[in-house]
């Protein structure tokens, strides 16, 4: 166990970002996977301590068009990526998505393919993105087949969440 304690930790922030939480995120995390607005990007950039390396960020894209999900539209993500890539103290690494759940494997592939194609398009415009943060326990196979470099597999490790009252 003592060997595990000496391993460096790299904290990743995933989830909606409120403007009043940007300083805490900028000061304590190595990655942000859920950047979806320029205002938040600007705050993270200005609040990143100068003694820390640039904050790695992924733009969250709402590939399913769900009103209940955060994220830029695929069209807006292009302009947002171009602006974020110019900000000091941020390093635009890629894109992130949490698509609508689908049971059918071919339906799972579609939004992941869309995100991969969007990243390829951004790279043809001169960006050097290398990260696709997509896929969770129930759809990770489709995500990996479409190029995911980071997947979130919490329920595969810890089991399904219990939302019941205790």
N, C-alpha and C. Protein backbone atom coordinates (compact mmCIF):
# COMPACT_ATOMS: atom_id res chain seq x y z
N UNK A 1 0.80 -1.20 0.00
CA UNK A 1 0.00 0.00 0.00
C UNK A 1 0.84 1.27 0.00
N UNK A 2 2.00 1.25 0.62
CA UNK A 2 2.80 2.47 0.67
C UNK A 2 3.24 2.91 -0.72
N UNK A 3 3.40 1.97 -1.65
CA UNK A 3 3.76 2.35 -3.02
C UNK A 3 2.63 3.13 -3.67
N UNK A 4 1.39 2.79 -3.36
CA UNK A 4 0.26 3.51 -3.93
C UNK A 4 0.21 4.95 -3.43
N UNK A 5 0.58 5.16 -2.21
CA UNK A 5 0.55 6.51 -1.65
C UNK A 5 1.55 7.44 -2.34
N UNK A 6 2.61 6.89 -2.89
CA UNK A 6 3.61 7.73 -3.52
C UNK A 6 3.30 8.04 -4.99
N UNK A 7 2.26 7.39 -5.54
CA UNK A 7 1.89 7.66 -6.93
C UNK A 7 1.26 9.05 -7.04
N UNK A 8 1.63 9.80 -8.06
CA UNK A 8 1.00 11.12 -8.22
C UNK A 8 -0.46 10.95 -8.69
N UNK A 9 -1.30 11.77 -8.14
CA UNK A 9 -2.71 11.76 -8.54
C UNK A 9 -2.96 12.89 -9.53
N UNK A 10 -3.81 12.63 -10.48
CA UNK A 10 -4.19 13.64 -11.46
C UNK A 10 -5.72 13.75 -11.40
N UNK A 11 -6.20 14.86 -10.86
CA UNK A 11 -7.63 15.04 -10.64
C UNK A 11 -8.32 15.54 -11.91
N UNK A 12 -9.43 14.88 -12.26
CA UNK A 12 -10.24 15.23 -13.42
C UNK A 12 -11.60 15.73 -12.94
N UNK A 13 -12.02 16.89 -13.43
CA UNK A 13 -13.33 17.42 -13.09
C UNK A 13 -14.30 17.08 -14.22
N UNK A 14 -15.42 16.47 -13.86
CA UNK A 14 -16.47 16.14 -14.82
C UNK A 14 -17.78 16.61 -14.21
N UNK A 15 -18.54 17.38 -14.96
CA UNK A 15 -19.83 17.85 -14.49
C UNK A 15 -20.03 19.30 -14.85
N UNK A 16 -21.25 19.79 -14.71
CA UNK A 16 -21.52 21.19 -15.01
C UNK A 16 -20.70 22.11 -14.12
N UNK A 17 -20.23 23.20 -14.70
CA UNK A 17 -19.37 24.14 -13.97
C UNK A 17 -20.14 25.43 -13.73
N UNK A 18 -20.31 25.76 -12.46
CA UNK A 18 -20.92 27.03 -12.09
C UNK A 18 -19.81 28.09 -12.03
N UNK A 19 -20.15 29.29 -12.41
CA UNK A 19 -19.17 30.38 -12.43
C UNK A 19 -18.49 30.60 -11.09
N UNK A 20 -19.21 30.41 -9.99
CA UNK A 20 -18.62 30.66 -8.67
C UNK A 20 -17.72 29.52 -8.21
N UNK A 21 -17.58 28.46 -9.01
CA UNK A 21 -16.72 27.32 -8.65
C UNK A 21 -15.45 27.26 -9.48
N UNK A 22 -15.26 28.19 -10.41
CA UNK A 22 -14.12 28.10 -11.32
C UNK A 22 -12.78 28.23 -10.62
N UNK A 23 -12.68 29.07 -9.61
CA UNK A 23 -11.39 29.24 -8.93
C UNK A 23 -10.96 27.93 -8.27
N UNK A 24 -11.87 27.26 -7.58
CA UNK A 24 -11.55 25.99 -6.93
C UNK A 24 -11.12 24.96 -7.96
N UNK A 25 -11.80 24.91 -9.09
CA UNK A 25 -11.44 23.96 -10.15
C UNK A 25 -10.07 24.33 -10.73
N UNK A 26 -9.86 25.60 -11.04
CA UNK A 26 -8.60 26.04 -11.63
C UNK A 26 -7.41 25.76 -10.72
N UNK A 27 -7.62 25.85 -9.43
CA UNK A 27 -6.53 25.67 -8.47
C UNK A 27 -6.25 24.22 -8.10
N UNK A 28 -7.21 23.32 -8.33
CA UNK A 28 -7.08 21.97 -7.77
C UNK A 28 -7.16 20.81 -8.76
N UNK A 29 -7.47 21.07 -10.00
CA UNK A 29 -7.64 19.98 -10.95
C UNK A 29 -6.60 20.06 -12.07
N UNK A 30 -6.29 18.91 -12.65
CA UNK A 30 -5.38 18.84 -13.80
C UNK A 30 -6.16 18.83 -15.11
N UNK A 31 -7.41 18.36 -15.05
CA UNK A 31 -8.26 18.23 -16.24
C UNK A 31 -9.66 18.75 -15.94
N UNK A 32 -10.30 19.31 -16.95
CA UNK A 32 -11.73 19.62 -16.94
C UNK A 32 -12.30 18.99 -18.20
N UNK A 33 -13.29 18.12 -18.03
CA UNK A 33 -13.89 17.41 -19.17
C UNK A 33 -15.19 18.06 -19.63
N UNK A 34 -15.68 19.05 -18.93
CA UNK A 34 -17.04 19.52 -19.19
C UNK A 34 -17.12 21.01 -19.48
N UNK A 35 -16.16 21.51 -20.22
CA UNK A 35 -16.15 22.92 -20.60
C UNK A 35 -17.16 23.13 -21.73
N UNK A 36 -18.12 24.03 -21.51
CA UNK A 36 -19.14 24.21 -22.55
C UNK A 36 -19.46 25.67 -22.86
N UNK A 37 -18.76 26.61 -22.20
CA UNK A 37 -19.02 28.03 -22.44
C UNK A 37 -17.70 28.80 -22.39
N UNK A 38 -17.60 29.81 -23.25
CA UNK A 38 -16.39 30.63 -23.31
C UNK A 38 -16.19 31.39 -22.00
N UNK A 39 -17.24 31.88 -21.40
CA UNK A 39 -17.12 32.63 -20.14
C UNK A 39 -16.44 31.77 -19.07
N UNK A 40 -16.81 30.51 -18.98
CA UNK A 40 -16.21 29.61 -18.00
C UNK A 40 -14.74 29.36 -18.36
N UNK A 41 -14.46 29.18 -19.64
CA UNK A 41 -13.07 28.98 -20.09
C UNK A 41 -12.21 30.19 -19.71
N UNK A 42 -12.71 31.37 -19.93
CA UNK A 42 -11.96 32.58 -19.60
C UNK A 42 -11.69 32.68 -18.11
N UNK A 43 -12.68 32.32 -17.30
CA UNK A 43 -12.50 32.36 -15.85
C UNK A 43 -11.46 31.33 -15.40
N UNK A 44 -11.54 30.12 -15.94
CA UNK A 44 -10.56 29.08 -15.59
C UNK A 44 -9.16 29.52 -15.97
N UNK A 45 -9.02 30.12 -17.15
CA UNK A 45 -7.72 30.58 -17.62
C UNK A 45 -7.15 31.66 -16.71
N UNK A 46 -7.97 32.64 -16.37
CA UNK A 46 -7.48 33.75 -15.55
C UNK A 46 -7.23 33.34 -14.10
N UNK A 47 -7.87 32.28 -13.64
CA UNK A 47 -7.73 31.88 -12.25
C UNK A 47 -6.75 30.72 -12.06
N UNK A 48 -6.17 30.21 -13.14
CA UNK A 48 -5.19 29.13 -13.01
C UNK A 48 -3.91 29.70 -12.41
N UNK A 49 -3.45 29.15 -11.29
CA UNK A 49 -2.21 29.67 -10.68
C UNK A 49 -1.03 29.53 -11.64
N UNK A 50 -0.17 30.56 -11.70
CA UNK A 50 0.94 30.54 -12.66
C UNK A 50 1.99 29.47 -12.37
N UNK A 51 2.03 28.96 -11.15
CA UNK A 51 3.01 27.92 -10.83
C UNK A 51 2.54 26.51 -11.21
N UNK A 52 1.31 26.40 -11.71
CA UNK A 52 0.78 25.10 -12.15
C UNK A 52 0.87 24.99 -13.66
N UNK A 53 0.99 23.76 -14.18
CA UNK A 53 0.96 23.61 -15.64
C UNK A 53 -0.42 24.00 -16.16
N UNK A 54 -0.50 24.22 -17.44
CA UNK A 54 -1.79 24.57 -18.05
C UNK A 54 -2.84 23.53 -17.69
N UNK A 55 -4.07 23.99 -17.54
CA UNK A 55 -5.19 23.13 -17.23
C UNK A 55 -5.64 22.44 -18.51
N UNK A 56 -5.62 21.11 -18.53
CA UNK A 56 -6.09 20.34 -19.69
C UNK A 56 -7.61 20.41 -19.73
N UNK A 57 -8.16 20.76 -20.90
CA UNK A 57 -9.61 20.88 -21.00
C UNK A 57 -10.14 20.14 -22.22
N UNK A 58 -11.34 19.62 -22.04
CA UNK A 58 -12.12 19.04 -23.13
C UNK A 58 -13.42 19.81 -23.23
N UNK A 59 -13.84 20.08 -24.43
CA UNK A 59 -15.12 20.75 -24.64
C UNK A 59 -16.22 19.71 -24.64
N UNK A 60 -17.21 19.93 -23.79
CA UNK A 60 -18.35 19.01 -23.75
C UNK A 60 -19.30 19.36 -24.89
N UNK A 61 -19.63 18.34 -25.67
CA UNK A 61 -20.51 18.50 -26.83
C UNK A 61 -21.78 17.70 -26.57
N UNK A 62 -22.92 18.34 -26.72
CA UNK A 62 -24.21 17.68 -26.55
C UNK A 62 -24.59 17.05 -27.89
N UNK A 63 -24.03 15.86 -28.16
CA UNK A 63 -24.22 15.22 -29.46
C UNK A 63 -25.63 14.66 -29.64
N UNK A 64 -26.37 14.46 -28.55
CA UNK A 64 -27.73 13.92 -28.66
C UNK A 64 -28.80 15.00 -28.67
N UNK A 65 -28.40 16.24 -28.43
CA UNK A 65 -29.38 17.33 -28.43
C UNK A 65 -30.36 17.27 -27.28
N UNK A 66 -29.98 16.62 -26.20
CA UNK A 66 -30.88 16.49 -25.05
C UNK A 66 -30.91 17.80 -24.26
N UNK A 67 -32.12 18.27 -23.95
CA UNK A 67 -32.24 19.51 -23.18
C UNK A 67 -31.78 19.32 -21.74
N UNK A 68 -31.76 18.09 -21.26
CA UNK A 68 -31.36 17.83 -19.88
C UNK A 68 -29.84 17.73 -19.72
N UNK A 69 -29.10 17.77 -20.82
CA UNK A 69 -27.64 17.62 -20.76
C UNK A 69 -26.96 18.94 -21.08
N UNK A 70 -25.82 19.13 -20.43
CA UNK A 70 -24.97 20.28 -20.72
C UNK A 70 -24.18 20.01 -21.99
N UNK A 71 -23.53 21.02 -22.48
CA UNK A 71 -22.66 20.86 -23.63
C UNK A 71 -23.01 21.80 -24.76
N UNK A 72 -21.99 22.15 -25.51
CA UNK A 72 -22.19 22.99 -26.69
C UNK A 72 -22.78 22.15 -27.81
N UNK A 73 -23.50 22.78 -28.70
CA UNK A 73 -23.95 22.06 -29.88
C UNK A 73 -22.72 21.74 -30.72
N UNK A 74 -22.79 20.72 -31.57
CA UNK A 74 -21.63 20.44 -32.43
C UNK A 74 -21.20 21.66 -33.25
N UNK A 75 -22.16 22.44 -33.71
CA UNK A 75 -21.83 23.63 -34.50
C UNK A 75 -21.12 24.68 -33.65
N UNK A 76 -21.63 24.93 -32.44
CA UNK A 76 -21.03 25.93 -31.55
C UNK A 76 -19.67 25.46 -31.01
N UNK A 77 -19.47 24.16 -30.94
CA UNK A 77 -18.22 23.62 -30.40
C UNK A 77 -17.02 24.01 -31.26
N UNK A 78 -17.22 24.17 -32.55
CA UNK A 78 -16.12 24.55 -33.44
C UNK A 78 -15.60 25.94 -33.06
N UNK A 79 -16.50 26.91 -32.96
CA UNK A 79 -16.08 28.27 -32.60
C UNK A 79 -15.53 28.32 -31.18
N UNK A 80 -16.16 27.60 -30.26
CA UNK A 80 -15.68 27.56 -28.88
C UNK A 80 -14.26 27.00 -28.82
N UNK A 81 -14.00 25.93 -29.56
CA UNK A 81 -12.66 25.32 -29.56
C UNK A 81 -11.62 26.30 -30.07
N UNK A 82 -11.95 27.04 -31.10
CA UNK A 82 -10.99 28.00 -31.66
C UNK A 82 -10.65 29.08 -30.63
N UNK A 83 -11.63 29.53 -29.86
CA UNK A 83 -11.39 30.55 -28.83
C UNK A 83 -10.61 29.97 -27.65
N UNK A 84 -11.01 28.80 -27.19
CA UNK A 84 -10.36 28.18 -26.03
C UNK A 84 -8.89 27.90 -26.33
N UNK A 85 -8.60 27.47 -27.53
CA UNK A 85 -7.21 27.14 -27.91
C UNK A 85 -6.29 28.35 -27.80
N UNK A 86 -6.84 29.55 -27.82
CA UNK A 86 -6.03 30.77 -27.73
C UNK A 86 -5.82 31.27 -26.31
N UNK A 87 -6.53 30.70 -25.36
CA UNK A 87 -6.45 31.20 -23.98
C UNK A 87 -5.18 30.72 -23.28
N UNK A 88 -4.52 31.63 -22.55
CA UNK A 88 -3.35 31.20 -21.77
C UNK A 88 -3.80 30.34 -20.59
N UNK A 89 -2.94 29.51 -20.12
CA UNK A 89 -3.14 28.67 -18.93
C UNK A 89 -4.14 27.53 -19.14
N UNK A 90 -4.66 27.39 -20.39
CA UNK A 90 -5.50 26.26 -20.73
C UNK A 90 -4.85 25.53 -21.89
N UNK A 91 -4.98 24.21 -21.89
CA UNK A 91 -4.51 23.41 -23.02
C UNK A 91 -5.71 22.61 -23.51
N UNK A 92 -6.23 22.99 -24.66
CA UNK A 92 -7.36 22.28 -25.25
C UNK A 92 -6.87 20.93 -25.73
N UNK A 93 -7.37 19.87 -25.11
CA UNK A 93 -6.92 18.52 -25.42
C UNK A 93 -7.91 17.74 -26.28
N UNK A 94 -9.21 18.06 -26.17
CA UNK A 94 -10.15 17.27 -26.95
C UNK A 94 -11.59 17.59 -26.67
N UNK A 95 -12.41 16.58 -26.89
CA UNK A 95 -13.86 16.71 -26.78
C UNK A 95 -14.39 15.65 -25.83
N UNK A 96 -15.54 15.95 -25.22
CA UNK A 96 -16.21 15.03 -24.32
C UNK A 96 -17.69 15.01 -24.63
N UNK A 97 -18.30 13.84 -24.48
CA UNK A 97 -19.74 13.73 -24.66
C UNK A 97 -20.30 12.64 -23.77
N UNK A 98 -21.54 12.84 -23.37
CA UNK A 98 -22.33 11.82 -22.68
C UNK A 98 -23.64 11.71 -23.46
N UNK A 99 -23.67 10.85 -24.49
CA UNK A 99 -24.87 10.77 -25.32
C UNK A 99 -26.02 10.09 -24.60
N UNK A 100 -27.20 10.22 -25.19
CA UNK A 100 -28.38 9.55 -24.65
C UNK A 100 -28.14 8.05 -24.63
N UNK A 101 -28.62 7.37 -23.59
CA UNK A 101 -28.43 5.92 -23.52
C UNK A 101 -29.10 5.21 -24.71
N UNK A 102 -28.45 4.19 -25.19
CA UNK A 102 -29.00 3.37 -26.28
C UNK A 102 -28.63 1.92 -26.01
N UNK A 103 -29.57 1.02 -26.20
CA UNK A 103 -29.32 -0.40 -25.97
C UNK A 103 -28.66 -1.06 -27.18
N UNK A 104 -29.02 -0.61 -28.37
CA UNK A 104 -28.52 -1.19 -29.61
C UNK A 104 -27.11 -0.70 -29.90
N UNK A 105 -26.19 -1.62 -30.20
CA UNK A 105 -24.79 -1.26 -30.44
C UNK A 105 -24.64 -0.27 -31.59
N UNK A 106 -25.39 -0.42 -32.66
CA UNK A 106 -25.24 0.52 -33.78
C UNK A 106 -25.73 1.91 -33.39
N UNK A 107 -26.74 1.98 -32.54
CA UNK A 107 -27.21 3.29 -32.07
C UNK A 107 -26.19 3.92 -31.13
N UNK A 108 -25.44 3.11 -30.40
CA UNK A 108 -24.40 3.64 -29.52
C UNK A 108 -23.25 4.23 -30.33
N UNK A 109 -22.94 3.62 -31.47
CA UNK A 109 -21.82 4.09 -32.29
C UNK A 109 -22.04 5.49 -32.86
N UNK A 110 -23.26 5.80 -33.25
CA UNK A 110 -23.55 7.05 -33.99
C UNK A 110 -23.05 8.31 -33.28
N UNK A 111 -23.42 8.58 -32.01
CA UNK A 111 -22.94 9.82 -31.38
C UNK A 111 -21.43 9.82 -31.16
N UNK A 112 -20.85 8.66 -30.89
CA UNK A 112 -19.40 8.59 -30.70
C UNK A 112 -18.68 8.86 -32.02
N UNK A 113 -19.22 8.33 -33.10
CA UNK A 113 -18.63 8.61 -34.42
C UNK A 113 -18.73 10.09 -34.74
N UNK A 114 -19.86 10.71 -34.38
CA UNK A 114 -20.05 12.14 -34.62
C UNK A 114 -18.99 12.95 -33.86
N UNK A 115 -18.71 12.57 -32.62
CA UNK A 115 -17.71 13.30 -31.83
C UNK A 115 -16.32 13.10 -32.42
N UNK A 116 -16.01 11.87 -32.82
CA UNK A 116 -14.71 11.58 -33.44
C UNK A 116 -14.54 12.40 -34.72
N UNK A 117 -15.57 12.46 -35.54
CA UNK A 117 -15.50 13.24 -36.79
C UNK A 117 -15.34 14.72 -36.51
N UNK A 118 -16.00 15.22 -35.45
CA UNK A 118 -15.84 16.63 -35.08
C UNK A 118 -14.40 16.91 -34.66
N UNK A 119 -13.80 16.00 -33.90
CA UNK A 119 -12.41 16.19 -33.51
C UNK A 119 -11.50 16.18 -34.74
N UNK A 120 -11.75 15.28 -35.67
CA UNK A 120 -10.95 15.23 -36.90
C UNK A 120 -11.09 16.54 -37.67
N UNK A 121 -12.30 17.07 -37.73
CA UNK A 121 -12.54 18.35 -38.42
C UNK A 121 -11.75 19.47 -37.75
N UNK A 122 -11.78 19.53 -36.42
CA UNK A 122 -11.04 20.57 -35.70
C UNK A 122 -9.54 20.43 -35.93
N UNK A 123 -9.06 19.21 -36.02
CA UNK A 123 -7.64 19.00 -36.27
C UNK A 123 -7.24 19.45 -37.68
N UNK A 124 -8.15 19.35 -38.64
CA UNK A 124 -7.84 19.86 -39.99
C UNK A 124 -7.76 21.38 -40.00
N UNK A 125 -8.33 22.03 -38.98
CA UNK A 125 -8.27 23.49 -38.86
C UNK A 125 -7.06 23.95 -38.05
N UNK A 126 -6.15 23.04 -37.77
CA UNK A 126 -4.92 23.43 -37.10
C UNK A 126 -4.85 23.13 -35.62
N UNK A 127 -5.95 22.67 -35.03
CA UNK A 127 -5.89 22.30 -33.61
C UNK A 127 -5.21 20.94 -33.51
N UNK A 128 -4.63 20.67 -32.38
CA UNK A 128 -3.93 19.41 -32.18
C UNK A 128 -4.58 18.66 -31.02
N UNK A 129 -5.80 18.21 -31.24
CA UNK A 129 -6.55 17.52 -30.21
C UNK A 129 -6.18 16.04 -30.20
N UNK A 130 -6.08 15.47 -29.00
CA UNK A 130 -5.68 14.07 -28.87
C UNK A 130 -6.57 13.27 -27.93
N UNK A 131 -7.65 13.87 -27.45
CA UNK A 131 -8.46 13.22 -26.43
C UNK A 131 -9.93 13.19 -26.81
N UNK A 132 -10.51 12.00 -26.71
CA UNK A 132 -11.95 11.82 -26.83
C UNK A 132 -12.42 11.20 -25.52
N UNK A 133 -13.04 12.00 -24.67
CA UNK A 133 -13.55 11.55 -23.39
C UNK A 133 -15.02 11.19 -23.61
N UNK A 134 -15.24 9.90 -23.82
CA UNK A 134 -16.61 9.47 -24.15
C UNK A 134 -16.78 8.00 -23.78
N UNK A 135 -17.98 7.68 -23.41
CA UNK A 135 -18.31 6.30 -23.07
C UNK A 135 -18.33 6.08 -21.58
N UNK A 136 -19.31 5.28 -21.17
CA UNK A 136 -19.44 4.87 -19.78
C UNK A 136 -19.60 3.36 -19.76
N UNK A 137 -19.84 2.80 -18.60
CA UNK A 137 -19.86 1.34 -18.45
C UNK A 137 -20.75 0.65 -19.47
N UNK A 138 -21.95 1.19 -19.71
CA UNK A 138 -22.92 0.49 -20.56
C UNK A 138 -22.63 0.64 -22.06
N UNK A 139 -21.80 1.60 -22.45
CA UNK A 139 -21.54 1.79 -23.89
C UNK A 139 -20.06 1.94 -24.21
N UNK A 140 -19.21 1.50 -23.28
CA UNK A 140 -17.78 1.73 -23.47
C UNK A 140 -17.21 0.98 -24.68
N UNK A 141 -17.76 -0.17 -25.04
CA UNK A 141 -17.23 -0.90 -26.18
C UNK A 141 -17.40 -0.09 -27.46
N UNK A 142 -18.59 0.47 -27.66
CA UNK A 142 -18.83 1.31 -28.84
C UNK A 142 -17.94 2.54 -28.81
N UNK A 143 -17.78 3.14 -27.64
CA UNK A 143 -16.94 4.34 -27.51
C UNK A 143 -15.49 4.03 -27.87
N UNK A 144 -14.98 2.93 -27.36
CA UNK A 144 -13.60 2.55 -27.64
C UNK A 144 -13.41 2.27 -29.12
N UNK A 145 -14.36 1.58 -29.73
CA UNK A 145 -14.27 1.29 -31.17
C UNK A 145 -14.29 2.57 -32.01
N UNK A 146 -14.88 3.65 -31.46
CA UNK A 146 -14.92 4.92 -32.18
C UNK A 146 -13.78 5.85 -31.79
N UNK A 147 -12.85 5.37 -30.96
CA UNK A 147 -11.64 6.15 -30.68
C UNK A 147 -11.54 6.78 -29.32
N UNK A 148 -12.38 6.40 -28.37
CA UNK A 148 -12.30 6.98 -27.02
C UNK A 148 -10.91 6.78 -26.44
N UNK A 149 -10.38 7.82 -25.82
CA UNK A 149 -9.11 7.72 -25.12
C UNK A 149 -9.31 7.74 -23.61
N UNK A 150 -10.48 8.23 -23.17
CA UNK A 150 -10.84 8.22 -21.75
C UNK A 150 -12.30 7.76 -21.67
N UNK A 151 -12.57 6.76 -20.84
CA UNK A 151 -13.93 6.30 -20.60
C UNK A 151 -14.20 6.36 -19.10
N UNK A 152 -15.46 6.52 -18.75
CA UNK A 152 -15.88 6.59 -17.35
C UNK A 152 -16.61 5.28 -17.02
N UNK A 153 -16.02 4.48 -16.17
CA UNK A 153 -16.55 3.13 -15.93
C UNK A 153 -16.92 2.91 -14.46
N UNK A 154 -17.47 3.91 -13.82
CA UNK A 154 -17.79 3.82 -12.40
C UNK A 154 -18.71 2.68 -12.04
N UNK A 155 -19.83 2.52 -12.73
CA UNK A 155 -20.77 1.46 -12.33
C UNK A 155 -20.22 0.08 -12.64
N UNK A 156 -19.33 -0.05 -13.61
CA UNK A 156 -18.70 -1.35 -13.88
C UNK A 156 -17.77 -1.75 -12.73
N UNK A 157 -17.24 -0.76 -12.02
CA UNK A 157 -16.34 -1.03 -10.90
C UNK A 157 -17.10 -1.07 -9.57
N UNK A 158 -17.96 -0.07 -9.35
CA UNK A 158 -18.60 0.10 -8.05
C UNK A 158 -20.04 -0.41 -8.00
N UNK A 159 -20.61 -0.79 -9.14
CA UNK A 159 -22.01 -1.22 -9.19
C UNK A 159 -22.93 -0.05 -9.48
N UNK A 160 -24.17 -0.37 -9.75
CA UNK A 160 -25.17 0.66 -10.05
C UNK A 160 -25.44 1.52 -8.83
N UNK A 161 -25.74 2.78 -9.06
CA UNK A 161 -26.09 3.69 -7.96
C UNK A 161 -27.46 3.33 -7.41
N UNK A 162 -27.61 3.54 -6.13
CA UNK A 162 -28.90 3.36 -5.46
C UNK A 162 -29.45 4.75 -5.18
N UNK A 163 -30.49 5.13 -5.91
CA UNK A 163 -31.07 6.45 -5.73
C UNK A 163 -32.21 6.47 -4.72
N UNK A 164 -32.43 5.35 -4.07
CA UNK A 164 -33.51 5.28 -3.07
C UNK A 164 -33.18 6.05 -1.82
N UNK A 165 -34.23 6.36 -1.05
CA UNK A 165 -34.02 7.09 0.22
C UNK A 165 -33.44 6.14 1.24
N UNK A 166 -32.59 6.70 2.09
CA UNK A 166 -31.98 5.89 3.16
C UNK A 166 -32.40 6.39 4.50
